[in-house]
Every structure is written in C-alpha cells, then in structure tokens.
C-alpha cells in the first residue's frame, strides 16, 4: 500500500515537472534515480539451445512462428549474427492436404 502511494506521488511530481512548476524538476530528478529501474526488463536473446528447439518445432510444424537470421558485417571470419526468434504459442493451426486429380 505504501509503495502504491509512493508511485502515485512520483507520478504527480513527474506531471508537475512536465508542466514546469517551480522546484518540481529537481525533486523529480532525485526520485527518478530510485524509480528508473522499476519498469519492464528488456527481452533477453534466446540461447542456442532454445533457438534449436524452436527451429526444430517450426520445421516439424509443431509450433506457429517465424525465425529470422540476419548476418551483420559478413567477413571471412564469420561476422556478427543477429537472430530474431518470434515463436507464437497457444495457437491452433489447421493441418490437412487436399488431394485431387490433375486435369490437362
């Protein structure tokens, strides 16, 4: 309950600083150091094991999703690679074949 009240106070000070009220900017800068790291953490890059698992699942049709691999700065030594793993979960996919005669 106290933390919620502190967040409300911080929000009010931030709003006052944005409206350029006297001494609110200095108070906001002091509070900002404490509340700065409270937001959502950046998404970590997947490990090689996770990438391999997701790739195999996508290849076999077990999951929906997309894996994109980009080579940044190709060199003879290999360069730096950026891997983006966008695996979609909790979705349903229709799997079926339509077989028919070939008419000429």
Protein backbone atom coordinates (compact mmCIF):
# COMPACT_ATOMS: atom_id res chain seq x y z
CA UNK A 1 0.00 0.00 0.00
CA UNK A 2 2.85 2.37 0.81
CA UNK A 3 4.58 1.52 -2.47
CA UNK A 4 1.40 2.33 -4.41
CA UNK A 5 1.18 5.70 -2.67
CA UNK A 6 4.85 6.37 -3.47
CA UNK A 7 4.18 5.61 -7.15
CA UNK A 8 1.22 7.99 -7.13
CA UNK A 9 3.38 10.72 -5.59
CA UNK A 10 6.13 10.10 -8.15
CA UNK A 11 3.58 10.34 -10.95
CA UNK A 12 2.30 13.66 -9.60
CA UNK A 13 5.83 15.06 -9.31
CA UNK A 14 6.59 13.89 -12.86
CA UNK A 15 3.45 15.61 -14.14
CA UNK A 16 4.37 18.81 -12.28
CA UNK A 17 7.89 18.72 -13.72
CA UNK A 18 6.47 18.35 -17.22
CA UNK A 19 4.31 21.44 -16.58
CA UNK A 20 7.43 23.36 -15.41
CA UNK A 21 6.24 24.03 -11.85
CA UNK A 22 8.91 25.56 -9.56
CA UNK A 23 11.25 23.07 -7.85
CA UNK A 24 9.33 20.06 -9.21
CA UNK A 25 12.08 19.29 -11.75
CA UNK A 26 14.79 18.95 -9.08
CA UNK A 27 12.54 16.75 -6.94
CA UNK A 28 11.66 14.65 -9.99
CA UNK A 29 15.35 14.13 -10.84
CA UNK A 30 16.04 12.92 -7.28
CA UNK A 31 13.12 10.46 -7.35
CA UNK A 32 13.87 9.37 -10.91
CA UNK A 33 17.07 7.62 -9.80
CA UNK A 34 15.04 5.37 -7.49
CA UNK A 35 12.08 4.64 -9.79
CA UNK A 36 14.08 4.39 -13.03
CA UNK A 37 14.83 0.64 -12.85
CA UNK A 38 11.29 -0.42 -11.89
CA UNK A 39 9.94 -0.82 -15.44
CA UNK A 40 9.79 -3.96 -17.57
CA UNK A 41 13.12 -5.62 -18.28
CA UNK A 42 14.34 -5.82 -21.88
CA UNK A 43 13.83 -9.17 -23.55
CA UNK A 44 16.95 -11.32 -23.44
CA UNK A 45 18.34 -13.00 -26.53
CA UNK A 46 17.43 -16.69 -26.72
CA UNK A 47 20.17 -19.24 -26.08
CA UNK A 48 21.42 -21.61 -28.78
CA UNK A 49 19.53 -24.47 -27.13
CA UNK A 50 16.25 -22.51 -27.20
CA UNK A 51 16.85 -21.49 -30.82
CA UNK A 52 17.47 -25.07 -31.86
CA UNK A 53 14.35 -26.29 -30.02
CA UNK A 54 12.20 -23.58 -31.63
CA UNK A 55 13.69 -24.20 -35.08
CA UNK A 56 13.00 -27.93 -34.87
CA UNK A 57 9.43 -27.33 -33.67
CA UNK A 58 8.78 -24.91 -36.54
CA UNK A 59 10.34 -27.24 -39.07
CA UNK A 60 8.14 -30.14 -37.96
CA UNK A 61 5.01 -27.98 -37.83
CA UNK A 62 4.56 -28.31 -34.06
CA UNK A 63 4.50 -24.54 -33.43
CA UNK A 64 3.46 -21.43 -35.30
CA UNK A 65 6.03 -18.71 -35.65
CA UNK A 66 8.92 -17.28 -37.53
CA UNK A 67 12.69 -17.34 -37.07
CA UNK A 68 14.73 -14.75 -38.94
CA UNK A 69 18.52 -14.92 -39.14
CA UNK A 70 20.47 -11.87 -40.31
CA UNK A 71 24.19 -11.76 -40.95
CA UNK A 72 25.62 -8.39 -39.94
CA UNK A 73 29.01 -7.41 -41.41
CA UNK A 74 29.90 -10.57 -43.32
CA UNK A 75 33.63 -11.27 -43.24
CA UNK A 76 35.86 -14.20 -43.89
CA UNK A 77 35.97 -14.81 -40.14
CA UNK A 78 32.20 -15.16 -39.89
CA UNK A 79 30.99 -11.69 -38.87
CA UNK A 80 28.37 -10.91 -36.26
CA UNK A 81 24.94 -12.54 -36.49
CA UNK A 82 21.63 -11.30 -35.21
CA UNK A 83 18.94 -13.89 -34.53
CA UNK A 84 15.31 -12.93 -34.04
CA UNK A 85 13.08 -15.67 -32.63
CA UNK A 86 9.36 -14.98 -32.82
CA UNK A 87 7.68 -18.21 -31.79
CA UNK A 88 3.94 -17.98 -31.36
CA UNK A 89 2.41 -20.14 -28.66
CA UNK A 90 -1.11 -21.18 -27.71
CA UNK A 91 -2.46 -21.13 -31.22
CA UNK A 92 -4.26 -23.64 -33.37
CA UNK A 93 -3.22 -24.50 -36.89
CA UNK A 94 -5.20 -26.42 -39.50
CA UNK A 95 -3.12 -29.21 -40.96
CA UNK A 96 -4.51 -31.06 -43.91
CA UNK A 97 -4.00 -31.93 -47.53
CA UNK A 98 -6.36 -31.58 -50.42
CA UNK A 99 -5.76 -34.29 -52.92
CA UNK A 100 -7.29 -34.10 -56.35
CA UNK A 101 -6.90 -35.27 -59.89
CA UNK A 102 -4.70 -33.38 -62.29
CA UNK A 103 -6.69 -32.29 -65.29
CA UNK A 104 -4.99 -31.36 -68.52
